[in-house]
């Protein structure tokens, strides 16, 4: 099981990459950090100075190089990253089958 990214999310990530002049060889680092009202929050960032650790998960989705550290991957396995620009909230959304509880804004979760 790995992390999947919807076509719309991949398009938005590539747009952000171009707007911020992020190098094409930069990885999209996806992680989980402590915080938020439910205890854990999602973290997305570009990383062009990558030191890949032995247990890191590295994979490619629609031309995007994605890097997830093992601790975060345990929380994210099977998750889909989506993007919405509708009236109900613009931004990235994680559809995480491992989350037992999420906050009302969808920014944090618990397992």
PDB file of N, CA and C in Angstrom:
ATOM      1  N   UNK A   1       0.839  -1.180   0.000  1.00  0.00           N
ATOM      2  CA  UNK A   1       0.000   0.000   0.000  1.00  0.00           C
ATOM      3  C   UNK A   1       0.880   1.238   0.000  1.00  0.00           C
ATOM      4  N   UNK A   2       0.531   2.190  -0.809  1.00  0.00           N
ATOM      5  CA  UNK A   2       1.291   3.421  -0.827  1.00  0.00           C
ATOM      6  C   UNK A   2       0.358   4.616  -0.816  1.00  0.00           C
ATOM      7  N   UNK A   3       0.937   5.772  -0.851  1.00  0.00           N
ATOM      8  CA  UNK A   3       0.193   7.020  -0.918  1.00  0.00           C
ATOM      9  C   UNK A   3      -0.191   7.273  -2.368  1.00  0.00           C
ATOM     10  N   UNK A   4      -1.434   7.645  -2.625  1.00  0.00           N
ATOM     11  CA  UNK A   4      -1.839   7.980  -3.986  1.00  0.00           C
ATOM     12  C   UNK A   4      -2.189   9.461  -4.055  1.00  0.00           C
ATOM     13  N   UNK A   5      -2.096   9.987  -5.251  1.00  0.00           N
ATOM     14  CA  UNK A   5      -2.368  11.404  -5.464  1.00  0.00           C
ATOM     15  C   UNK A   5      -3.338  11.525  -6.625  1.00  0.00           C
ATOM     16  N   UNK A   6      -4.424  12.258  -6.403  1.00  0.00           N
ATOM     17  CA  UNK A   6      -5.404  12.450  -7.472  1.00  0.00           C
ATOM     18  C   UNK A   6      -4.791  13.308  -8.577  1.00  0.00           C
ATOM     19  N   UNK A   7      -5.382  13.208  -9.748  1.00  0.00           N
ATOM     20  CA  UNK A   7      -4.913  13.987 -10.898  1.00  0.00           C
ATOM     21  C   UNK A   7      -4.974  15.488 -10.596  1.00  0.00           C
ATOM     22  N   UNK A   8      -6.045  15.916  -9.945  1.00  0.00           N
ATOM     23  CA  UNK A   8      -6.214  17.336  -9.618  1.00  0.00           C
ATOM     24  C   UNK A   8      -5.134  17.814  -8.630  1.00  0.00           C
ATOM     25  N   UNK A   9      -4.802  16.964  -7.646  1.00  0.00           N
ATOM     26  CA  UNK A   9      -3.758  17.320  -6.686  1.00  0.00           C
ATOM     27  C   UNK A   9      -2.394  17.389  -7.378  1.00  0.00           C
ATOM     28  N   UNK A  10      -2.123  16.442  -8.271  1.00  0.00           N
ATOM     29  CA  UNK A  10      -0.852  16.441  -8.994  1.00  0.00           C
ATOM     30  C   UNK A  10      -0.718  17.702  -9.852  1.00  0.00           C
ATOM     31  N   UNK A  11      -1.798  18.090 -10.504  1.00  0.00           N
ATOM     32  CA  UNK A  11      -1.784  19.311 -11.311  1.00  0.00           C
ATOM     33  C   UNK A  11      -1.499  20.536 -10.448  1.00  0.00           C
ATOM     34  N   UNK A  12      -2.148  20.611  -9.286  1.00  0.00           N
ATOM     35  CA  UNK A  12      -1.942  21.768  -8.392  1.00  0.00           C
ATOM     36  C   UNK A  12      -0.513  21.787  -7.847  1.00  0.00           C
ATOM     37  N   UNK A  13       0.016  20.627  -7.499  1.00  0.00           N
ATOM     38  CA  UNK A  13       1.397  20.544  -7.004  1.00  0.00           C
ATOM     39  C   UNK A  13       2.361  21.031  -8.079  1.00  0.00           C
ATOM     40  N   UNK A  14       2.143  20.622  -9.319  1.00  0.00           N
ATOM     41  CA  UNK A  14       3.012  21.069 -10.406  1.00  0.00           C
ATOM     42  C   UNK A  14       2.889  22.558 -10.659  1.00  0.00           C
ATOM     43  N   UNK A  15       1.692  23.113 -10.500  1.00  0.00           N
ATOM     44  CA  UNK A  15       1.500  24.558 -10.638  1.00  0.00           C
ATOM     45  C   UNK A  15       2.269  25.301  -9.548  1.00  0.00           C
ATOM     46  N   UNK A  16       2.176  24.827  -8.321  1.00  0.00           N
ATOM     47  CA  UNK A  16       2.899  25.450  -7.206  1.00  0.00           C
ATOM     48  C   UNK A  16       4.400  25.352  -7.448  1.00  0.00           C
ATOM     49  N   UNK A  17       4.856  24.206  -7.926  1.00  0.00           N
ATOM     50  CA  UNK A  17       6.278  24.011  -8.220  1.00  0.00           C
ATOM     51  C   UNK A  17       6.770  25.078  -9.206  1.00  0.00           C
ATOM     52  N   UNK A  18       5.982  25.311 -10.266  1.00  0.00           N
ATOM     53  CA  UNK A  18       6.353  26.314 -11.268  1.00  0.00           C
ATOM     54  C   UNK A  18       6.323  27.720 -10.686  1.00  0.00           C
ATOM     55  N   UNK A  19       5.270  28.044  -9.915  1.00  0.00           N
ATOM     56  CA  UNK A  19       5.143  29.388  -9.331  1.00  0.00           C
ATOM     57  C   UNK A  19       6.277  29.704  -8.371  1.00  0.00           C
ATOM     58  N   UNK A  20       6.756  28.691  -7.654  1.00  0.00           N
ATOM     59  CA  UNK A  20       7.803  28.897  -6.657  1.00  0.00           C
ATOM     60  C   UNK A  20       9.195  28.567  -7.190  1.00  0.00           C
ATOM     61  N   UNK A  21       9.287  28.296  -8.493  1.00  0.00           N
ATOM     62  CA  UNK A  21      10.563  27.952  -9.125  1.00  0.00           C
ATOM     63  C   UNK A  21      11.287  26.820  -8.406  1.00  0.00           C
ATOM     64  N   UNK A  22      10.539  25.801  -8.036  1.00  0.00           N
ATOM     65  CA  UNK A  22      11.106  24.628  -7.377  1.00  0.00           C
ATOM     66  C   UNK A  22      11.772  23.765  -8.454  1.00  0.00           C
ATOM     67  N   UNK A  23      13.009  23.328  -8.231  1.00  0.00           N
ATOM     68  CA  UNK A  23      13.685  22.497  -9.236  1.00  0.00           C
ATOM     69  C   UNK A  23      12.903  21.221  -9.541  1.00  0.00           C
ATOM     70  N   UNK A  24      12.980  20.762 -10.777  1.00  0.00           N
ATOM     71  CA  UNK A  24      12.263  19.564 -11.202  1.00  0.00           C
ATOM     72  C   UNK A  24      12.706  18.315 -10.463  1.00  0.00           C
ATOM     73  N   UNK A  25      13.942  18.309  -9.937  1.00  0.00           N
ATOM     74  CA  UNK A  25      14.426  17.119  -9.241  1.00  0.00           C
ATOM     75  C   UNK A  25      14.082  17.126  -7.747  1.00  0.00           C
ATOM     76  N   UNK A  26      13.351  18.147  -7.299  1.00  0.00           N
ATOM     77  CA  UNK A  26      12.958  18.220  -5.886  1.00  0.00           C
ATOM     78  C   UNK A  26      11.880  17.181  -5.593  1.00  0.00           C
ATOM     79  N   UNK A  27      11.943  16.626  -4.409  1.00  0.00           N
ATOM     80  CA  UNK A  27      10.942  15.663  -3.954  1.00  0.00           C
ATOM     81  C   UNK A  27       9.798  16.395  -3.274  1.00  0.00           C
ATOM     82  N   UNK A  28       8.621  15.817  -3.354  1.00  0.00           N
ATOM     83  CA  UNK A  28       7.498  16.279  -2.542  1.00  0.00           C
ATOM     84  C   UNK A  28       7.562  15.453  -1.271  1.00  0.00           C
ATOM     85  N   UNK A  29       7.887  16.099  -0.172  1.00  0.00           N
ATOM     86  CA  UNK A  29       7.976  15.394   1.101  1.00  0.00           C
ATOM     87  C   UNK A  29       6.608  15.453   1.767  1.00  0.00           C
ATOM     88  N   UNK A  30       6.065  14.287   2.051  1.00  0.00           N
ATOM     89  CA  UNK A  30       4.762  14.170   2.699  1.00  0.00           C
ATOM     90  C   UNK A  30       5.002  13.557   4.067  1.00  0.00           C
ATOM     91  N   UNK A  31       4.478  14.197   5.100  1.00  0.00           N
ATOM     92  CA  UNK A  31       4.718  13.694   6.437  1.00  0.00           C
ATOM     93  C   UNK A  31       3.574  13.928   7.389  1.00  0.00           C
ATOM     94  N   UNK A  32       3.767  13.418   8.575  1.00  0.00           N
ATOM     95  CA  UNK A  32       2.827  13.587   9.677  1.00  0.00           C
ATOM     96  C   UNK A  32       3.623  14.134  10.854  1.00  0.00           C
ATOM     97  N   UNK A  33       3.115  15.195  11.468  1.00  0.00           N
ATOM     98  CA  UNK A  33       3.759  15.794  12.632  1.00  0.00           C
ATOM     99  C   UNK A  33       2.741  15.945  13.756  1.00  0.00           C
ATOM    100  N   UNK A  34       3.226  16.048  14.970  1.00  0.00           N
ATOM    101  CA  UNK A  34       2.349  16.253  16.115  1.00  0.00           C
ATOM    102  C   UNK A  34       1.751  17.649  16.052  1.00  0.00           C
ATOM    103  N   UNK A  35       0.468  17.746  16.414  1.00  0.00           N
ATOM    104  CA  UNK A  35      -0.178  19.050  16.462  1.00  0.00           C
ATOM    105  C   UNK A  35      -1.631  18.972  16.041  1.00  0.00           C
ATOM    106  N   UNK A  36      -2.272  20.100  16.049  1.00  0.00           N
ATOM    107  CA  UNK A  36      -3.683  20.173  15.670  1.00  0.00           C
ATOM    108  C   UNK A  36      -4.593  19.728  16.794  1.00  0.00           C
ATOM    109  N   UNK A  37      -5.868  19.936  16.610  1.00  0.00           N
ATOM    110  CA  UNK A  37      -6.823  19.626  17.664  1.00  0.00           C
ATOM    111  C   UNK A  37      -7.077  18.134  17.826  1.00  0.00           C
ATOM    112  N   UNK A  38      -6.683  17.314  16.829  1.00  0.00           N
ATOM    113  CA  UNK A  38      -6.859  15.870  16.958  1.00  0.00           C
ATOM    114  C   UNK A  38      -5.557  15.136  17.276  1.00  0.00           C
ATOM    115  N   UNK A  39      -4.448  15.851  17.326  1.00  0.00           N
ATOM    116  CA  UNK A  39      -3.189  15.246  17.738  1.00  0.00           C
ATOM    117  C   UNK A  39      -2.122  15.119  16.673  1.00  0.00           C
ATOM    118  N   UNK A  40      -2.510  14.910  15.408  1.00  0.00           N
ATOM    119  CA  UNK A  40      -1.551  14.763  14.318  1.00  0.00           C
ATOM    120  C   UNK A  40      -1.986  15.632  13.143  1.00  0.00           C
ATOM    121  N   UNK A  41      -1.033  16.224  12.439  1.00  0.00           N
ATOM    122  CA  UNK A  41      -1.342  17.017  11.259  1.00  0.00           C
ATOM    123  C   UNK A  41      -0.499  16.550  10.081  1.00  0.00           C
ATOM    124  N   UNK A  42      -0.981  16.841   8.903  1.00  0.00           N
ATOM    125  CA  UNK A  42      -0.275  16.502   7.675  1.00  0.00           C
ATOM    126  C   UNK A  42       0.701  17.617   7.330  1.00  0.00           C
ATOM    127  N   UNK A  43       1.802  17.235   6.679  1.00  0.00           N
ATOM    128  CA  UNK A  43       2.829  18.201   6.309  1.00  0.00           C
ATOM    129  C   UNK A  43       3.246  17.934   4.868  1.00  0.00           C
ATOM    130  N   UNK A  44       3.200  18.960   4.028  1.00  0.00           N
ATOM    131  CA  UNK A  44       3.621  18.875   2.632  1.00  0.00           C
ATOM    132  C   UNK A  44       4.664  19.937   2.382  1.00  0.00           C
ATOM    133  N   UNK A  45       5.750  19.565   1.699  1.00  0.00           N
ATOM    134  CA  UNK A  45       6.776  20.546   1.379  1.00  0.00           C
ATOM    135  C   UNK A  45       7.655  19.989   0.272  1.00  0.00           C
ATOM    136  N   UNK A  46       8.266  20.877  -0.485  1.00  0.00           N
ATOM    137  CA  UNK A  46       9.250  20.452  -1.474  1.00  0.00           C
ATOM    138  C   UNK A  46      10.606  20.370  -0.799  1.00  0.00           C
ATOM    139  N   UNK A  47      11.397  19.392  -1.192  1.00  0.00           N
ATOM    140  CA  UNK A  47      12.715  19.198  -0.608  1.00  0.00           C
ATOM    141  C   UNK A  47      13.698  18.902  -1.724  1.00  0.00           C
ATOM    142  N   UNK A  48      14.575  19.872  -2.003  1.00  0.00           N
ATOM    143  CA  UNK A  48      15.557  19.678  -3.066  1.00  0.00           C
ATOM    144  C   UNK A  48      16.913  19.249  -2.509  1.00  0.00           C
ATOM    145  N   UNK A  49      17.061  19.308  -1.212  1.00  0.00           N
ATOM    146  CA  UNK A  49      18.312  18.905  -0.562  1.00  0.00           C
ATOM    147  C   UNK A  49      18.042  17.624   0.227  1.00  0.00           C
ATOM    148  N   UNK A  50      17.752  16.555  -0.495  1.00  0.00           N
ATOM    149  CA  UNK A  50      17.262  15.325   0.110  1.00  0.00           C
ATOM    150  C   UNK A  50      18.402  14.397   0.516  1.00  0.00           C
ATOM    151  N   UNK A  51      18.305  13.934   1.733  1.00  0.00           N
ATOM    152  CA  UNK A  51      19.139  12.835   2.180  1.00  0.00           C
ATOM    153  C   UNK A  51      18.187  11.693   2.480  1.00  0.00           C
ATOM    154  N   UNK A  52      18.137  10.733   1.572  1.00  0.00           N
ATOM    155  CA  UNK A  52      17.196   9.627   1.713  1.00  0.00           C
ATOM    156  C   UNK A  52      17.750   8.619   2.713  1.00  0.00           C
ATOM    157  N   UNK A  53      16.948   8.351   3.734  1.00  0.00           N
ATOM    158  CA  UNK A  53      17.323   7.377   4.751  1.00  0.00           C
ATOM    159  C   UNK A  53      16.946   5.976   4.288  1.00  0.00           C
ATOM    160  N   UNK A  54      17.536   4.983   4.898  1.00  0.00           N
ATOM    161  CA  UNK A  54      17.328   3.589   4.498  1.00  0.00           C
ATOM    162  C   UNK A  54      15.860   3.178   4.522  1.00  0.00           C
ATOM    163  N   UNK A  55      15.104   3.638   5.500  1.00  0.00           N
ATOM    164  CA  UNK A  55      13.704   3.227   5.647  1.00  0.00           C
ATOM    165  C   UNK A  55      12.702   4.166   4.995  1.00  0.00           C
ATOM    166  N   UNK A  56      13.175   5.240   4.367  1.00  0.00           N
ATOM    167  CA  UNK A  56      12.261   6.158   3.688  1.00  0.00           C
ATOM    168  C   UNK A  56      11.571   5.458   2.533  1.00  0.00           C
ATOM    169  N   UNK A  57      10.335   5.826   2.295  1.00  0.00           N
ATOM    170  CA  UNK A  57       9.577   5.326   1.156  1.00  0.00           C
ATOM    171  C   UNK A  57       9.678   6.374   0.053  1.00  0.00           C
ATOM    172  N   UNK A  58      10.141   5.958  -1.101  1.00  0.00           N
ATOM    173  CA  UNK A  58      10.272   6.847  -2.245  1.00  0.00           C
ATOM    174  C   UNK A  58       9.507   6.227  -3.401  1.00  0.00           C
ATOM    175  N   UNK A  59       8.622   7.001  -4.006  1.00  0.00           N
ATOM    176  CA  UNK A  59       7.892   6.499  -5.158  1.00  0.00           C
ATOM    177  C   UNK A  59       7.490   7.653  -6.053  1.00  0.00           C
ATOM    178  N   UNK A  60       7.028   7.328  -7.241  1.00  0.00           N
ATOM    179  CA  UNK A  60       6.651   8.327  -8.226  1.00  0.00           C
ATOM    180  C   UNK A  60       5.180   8.184  -8.576  1.00  0.00           C
ATOM    181  N   UNK A  61       4.498   9.313  -8.616  1.00  0.00           N
ATOM    182  CA  UNK A  61       3.093   9.352  -9.011  1.00  0.00           C
ATOM    183  C   UNK A  61       2.941  10.490 -10.013  1.00  0.00           C
ATOM    184  N   UNK A  62       2.501  10.173 -11.207  1.00  0.00           N
ATOM    185  CA  UNK A  62       2.292  11.177 -12.261  1.00  0.00           C
ATOM    186  C   UNK A  62       3.494  12.112 -12.431  1.00  0.00           C
ATOM    187  N   UNK A  63       4.683  11.561 -12.413  1.00  0.00           N
ATOM    188  CA  UNK A  63       5.890  12.352 -12.605  1.00  0.00           C
ATOM    189  C   UNK A  63       6.398  13.057 -11.359  1.00  0.00           C
ATOM    190  N   UNK A  64       5.677  12.965 -10.248  1.00  0.00           N
ATOM    191  CA  UNK A  64       6.110  13.576  -8.992  1.00  0.00           C
ATOM    192  C   UNK A  64       6.929  12.570  -8.191  1.00  0.00           C
ATOM    193  N   UNK A  65       8.103  12.984  -7.758  1.00  0.00           N
ATOM    194  CA  UNK A  65       8.916  12.161  -6.880  1.00  0.00           C
ATOM    195  C   UNK A  65       8.464  12.441  -5.444  1.00  0.00           C
ATOM    196  N   UNK A  66       8.001  11.416  -4.755  1.00  0.00           N
ATOM    197  CA  UNK A  66       7.437  11.581  -3.416  1.00  0.00           C
ATOM    198  C   UNK A  66       8.309  10.864  -2.412  1.00  0.00           C
ATOM    199  N   UNK A  67       8.551  11.519  -1.290  1.00  0.00           N
ATOM    200  CA  UNK A  67       9.368  10.965  -0.219  1.00  0.00           C
ATOM    201  C   UNK A  67       8.566  11.010   1.082  1.00  0.00           C
ATOM    202  N   UNK A  68       8.471   9.860   1.743  1.00  0.00           N
ATOM    203  CA  UNK A  68       7.753   9.764   3.014  1.00  0.00           C
ATOM    204  C   UNK A  68       8.652   9.021   3.994  1.00  0.00           C
ATOM    205  N   UNK A  69       8.906   9.637   5.154  1.00  0.00           N
ATOM    206  CA  UNK A  69       9.696   8.931   6.162  1.00  0.00           C
ATOM    207  C   UNK A  69       8.866   7.776   6.731  1.00  0.00           C
ATOM    208  N   UNK A  70       9.547   6.765   7.253  1.00  0.00           N
ATOM    209  CA  UNK A  70       8.861   5.543   7.683  1.00  0.00           C
ATOM    210  C   UNK A  70       7.830   5.817   8.780  1.00  0.00           C
ATOM    211  N   UNK A  71       8.141   6.686   9.732  1.00  0.00           N
ATOM    212  CA  UNK A  71       7.188   6.983  10.810  1.00  0.00           C
ATOM    213  C   UNK A  71       5.891   7.533  10.231  1.00  0.00           C
ATOM    214  N   UNK A  72       6.004   8.473   9.296  1.00  0.00           N
ATOM    215  CA  UNK A  72       4.815   9.056   8.670  1.00  0.00           C
ATOM    216  C   UNK A  72       4.094   8.037   7.808  1.00  0.00           C
ATOM    217  N   UNK A  73       4.856   7.187   7.121  1.00  0.00           N
ATOM    218  CA  UNK A  73       4.241   6.206   6.233  1.00  0.00           C
ATOM    219  C   UNK A  73       3.329   5.258   7.004  1.00  0.00           C
ATOM    220  N   UNK A  74       3.668   4.958   8.242  1.00  0.00           N
ATOM    221  CA  UNK A  74       2.826   4.089   9.055  1.00  0.00           C
ATOM    222  C   UNK A  74       1.425   4.693   9.238  1.00  0.00           C
ATOM    223  N   UNK A  75       1.344   6.021   9.276  1.00  0.00           N
ATOM    224  CA  UNK A  75       0.058   6.713   9.400  1.00  0.00           C
ATOM    225  C   UNK A  75      -0.621   6.936   8.045  1.00  0.00           C
ATOM    226  N   UNK A  76       0.174   6.986   6.967  1.00  0.00           N
ATOM    227  CA  UNK A  76      -0.335   7.403   5.663  1.00  0.00           C
ATOM    228  C   UNK A  76      -0.588   6.279   4.660  1.00  0.00           C
ATOM    229  N   UNK A  77      -0.213   5.056   4.976  1.00  0.00           N
ATOM    230  CA  UNK A  77      -0.375   3.949   4.030  1.00  0.00           C
ATOM    231  C   UNK A  77      -1.834   3.862   3.569  1.00  0.00           C
ATOM    232  N   UNK A  78      -2.040   3.873   2.267  1.00  0.00           N
ATOM    233  CA  UNK A  78      -3.384   3.784   1.712  1.00  0.00           C
ATOM    234  C   UNK A  78      -4.103   5.115   1.565  1.00  0.00           C
ATOM    235  N   UNK A  79      -3.457   6.198   1.923  1.00  0.00           N
ATOM    236  CA  UNK A  79      -4.068   7.528   1.883  1.00  0.00           C
ATOM    237  C   UNK A  79      -4.046   8.099   0.473  1.00  0.00           C
ATOM    238  N   UNK A  80      -5.097   8.842   0.118  1.00  0.00           N
ATOM    239  CA  UNK A  80      -5.124   9.571  -1.143  1.00  0.00           C
ATOM    240  C   UNK A  80      -5.055  11.065  -0.853  1.00  0.00           C
ATOM    241  N   UNK A  81      -4.135  11.751  -1.523  1.00  0.00           N
ATOM    242  CA  UNK A  81      -4.035  13.194  -1.453  1.00  0.00           C
ATOM    243  C   UNK A  81      -4.851  13.760  -2.599  1.00  0.00           C
ATOM    244  N   UNK A  82      -5.802  14.627  -2.271  1.00  0.00           N
ATOM    245  CA  UNK A  82      -6.678  15.221  -3.272  1.00  0.00           C
ATOM    246  C   UNK A  82      -6.600  16.734  -3.145  1.00  0.00           C
ATOM    247  N   UNK A  83      -7.103  17.430  -4.145  1.00  0.00           N
ATOM    248  CA  UNK A  83      -7.149  18.883  -4.112  1.00  0.00           C
ATOM    249  C   UNK A  83      -8.544  19.333  -4.519  1.00  0.00           C
ATOM    250  N   UNK A  84      -9.068  20.317  -3.795  1.00  0.00           N
ATOM    251  CA  UNK A  84     -10.389  20.852  -4.089  1.00  0.00           C
ATOM    252  C   UNK A  84     -10.301  22.364  -4.198  1.00  0.00           C
ATOM    253  N   UNK A  85     -10.991  22.914  -5.171  1.00  0.00           N
ATOM    254  CA  UNK A  85     -11.068  24.372  -5.272  1.00  0.00           C
ATOM    255  C   UNK A  85     -12.519  24.828  -5.261  1.00  0.00           C
ATOM    256  N   UNK A  86     -13.363  23.999  -4.645  1.00  0.00           N
ATOM    257  CA  UNK A  86     -14.793  24.280  -4.579  1.00  0.00           C
ATOM    258  C   UNK A  86     -15.172  25.200  -3.444  1.00  0.00           C
ATOM    259  N   UNK A  87     -16.461  25.421  -3.310  1.00  0.00           N
ATOM    260  CA  UNK A  87     -16.995  26.324  -2.288  1.00  0.00           C
ATOM    261  C   UNK A  87     -16.824  25.784  -0.872  1.00  0.00           C
ATOM    262  N   UNK A  88     -16.687  24.467  -0.737  1.00  0.00           N
ATOM    263  CA  UNK A  88     -16.584  23.873   0.595  1.00  0.00           C
ATOM    264  C   UNK A  88     -15.159  23.866   1.138  1.00  0.00           C
ATOM    265  N   UNK A  89     -14.276  24.532   0.495  1.00  0.00           N
ATOM    266  CA  UNK A  89     -12.914  24.625   0.989  1.00  0.00           C
ATOM    267  C   UNK A  89     -11.890  24.348  -0.075  1.00  0.00           C
ATOM    268  N   UNK A  90     -11.035  25.310  -0.277  1.00  0.00           N
ATOM    269  CA  UNK A  90      -9.978  25.178  -1.258  1.00  0.00           C
ATOM    270  C   UNK A  90      -8.735  24.653  -0.561  1.00  0.00           C
ATOM    271  N   UNK A  91      -8.069  23.696  -1.182  1.00  0.00           N
ATOM    272  CA  UNK A  91      -6.810  23.212  -0.641  1.00  0.00           C
ATOM    273  C   UNK A  91      -6.664  21.714  -0.797  1.00  0.00           C
ATOM    274  N   UNK A  92      -5.585  21.220  -0.232  1.00  0.00           N
ATOM    275  CA  UNK A  92      -5.298  19.790  -0.280  1.00  0.00           C
ATOM    276  C   UNK A  92      -6.064  19.082   0.828  1.00  0.00           C
ATOM    277  N   UNK A  93      -6.539  17.892   0.505  1.00  0.00           N
ATOM    278  CA  UNK A  93      -7.294  17.089   1.462  1.00  0.00           C
ATOM    279  C   UNK A  93      -6.743  15.670   1.447  1.00  0.00           C
ATOM    280  N   UNK A  94      -6.556  15.115   2.616  1.00  0.00           N
ATOM    281  CA  UNK A  94      -6.066  13.752   2.753  1.00  0.00           C
ATOM    282  C   UNK A  94      -7.246  12.842   3.062  1.00  0.00           C
ATOM    283  N   UNK A  95      -7.413  11.825   2.237  1.00  0.00           N
ATOM    284  CA  UNK A  95      -8.434  10.807   2.487  1.00  0.00           C
ATOM    285  C   UNK A  95      -7.703   9.620   3.091  1.00  0.00           C
ATOM    286  N   UNK A  96      -7.653   9.608   4.422  1.00  0.00           N
ATOM    287  CA  UNK A  96      -6.830   8.652   5.153  1.00  0.00           C
ATOM    288  C   UNK A  96      -7.705   7.564   5.772  1.00  0.00           C
ATOM    289  N   UNK A  97      -7.589   6.327   5.276  1.00  0.00           N
ATOM    290  CA  UNK A  97      -8.402   5.247   5.823  1.00  0.00           C
ATOM    291  C   UNK A  97      -7.958   4.813   7.224  1.00  0.00           C
ATOM    292  N   UNK A  98      -6.803   5.273   7.660  1.00  0.00           N
ATOM    293  CA  UNK A  98      -6.279   4.919   8.975  1.00  0.00           C
ATOM    294  C   UNK A  98      -6.776   5.842  10.081  1.00  0.00           C
ATOM    295  N   UNK A  99      -7.277   7.001   9.716  1.00  0.00           N
ATOM    296  CA  UNK A  99      -7.721   7.988  10.703  1.00  0.00           C
ATOM    297  C   UNK A  99      -9.023   7.534  11.362  1.00  0.00           C
ATOM    298  N   UNK A 100      -9.017   7.504  12.677  1.00  0.00           N
ATOM    299  CA  UNK A 100     -10.229   7.134  13.407  1.00  0.00           C
ATOM    300  C   UNK A 100     -11.040   8.369  13.784  1.00  0.00           C
ATOM    301  N   UNK A 101     -10.376   9.531  13.769  1.00  0.00           N
ATOM    302  CA  UNK A 101     -11.051  10.779  14.108  1.00  0.00           C
ATOM    303  C   UNK A 101     -10.349  11.914  13.383  1.00  0.00           C
ATOM    304  N   UNK A 102     -11.109  12.864  12.868  1.00  0.00           N
ATOM    305  CA  UNK A 102     -10.542  14.056  12.248  1.00  0.00           C
ATOM    306  C   UNK A 102     -11.221  15.278  12.837  1.00  0.00           C
ATOM    307  N   UNK A 103     -10.536  16.392  12.779  1.00  0.00           N
ATOM    308  CA  UNK A 103     -11.169  17.614  13.262  1.00  0.00           C
ATOM    309  C   UNK A 103     -12.105  18.140  12.187  1.00  0.00           C
ATOM    310  N   UNK A 104     -12.912  19.107  12.522  1.00  0.00           N
ATOM    311  CA  UNK A 104     -13.917  19.614  11.583  1.00  0.00           C
ATOM    312  C   UNK A 104     -13.291  20.288  10.365  1.00  0.00           C
ATOM    313  N   UNK A 105     -12.103  20.832  10.515  1.00  0.00           N
ATOM    314  CA  UNK A 105     -11.455  21.499   9.364  1.00  0.00           C
ATOM    315  C   UNK A 105     -10.696  20.512   8.487  1.00  0.00           C
ATOM    316  N   UNK A 106     -10.496  19.278   8.962  1.00  0.00           N
ATOM    317  CA  UNK A 106      -9.813  18.255   8.183  1.00  0.00           C
ATOM    318  C   UNK A 106      -8.302  18.378   8.179  1.00  0.00           C
ATOM    319  N   UNK A 107      -7.766  19.276   9.001  1.00  0.00           N
ATOM    320  CA  UNK A 107      -6.321  19.503   9.017  1.00  0.00           C
ATOM    321  C   UNK A 107      -5.592  18.575   9.972  1.00  0.00           C
ATOM    322  N   UNK A 108      -6.293  17.989  10.915  1.00  0.00           N
ATOM    323  CA  UNK A 108      -5.634  17.093  11.852  1.00  0.00           C
ATOM    324  C   UNK A 108      -6.461  15.824  12.039  1.00  0.00           C
ATOM    325  N   UNK A 109      -5.792  14.811  12.576  1.00  0.00           N
ATOM    326  CA  UNK A 109      -6.454  13.509  12.741  1.00  0.00           C
ATOM    327  C   UNK A 109      -5.820  12.746  13.888  1.00  0.00           C
ATOM    328  N   UNK A 110      -6.440  11.640  14.237  1.00  0.00           N
ATOM    329  CA  UNK A 110      -5.858  10.723  15.227  1.00  0.00           C
ATOM    330  C   UNK A 110      -6.099   9.305  14.751  1.00  0.00           C
ATOM    331  N   UNK A 111      -5.326   8.408  15.328  1.00  0.00           N
ATOM    332  CA  UNK A 111      -5.417   6.984  14.952  1.00  0.00           C
ATOM    333  C   UNK A 111      -5.657   6.180  16.191  1.00  0.00           C
TER     334      UNK A 111
END
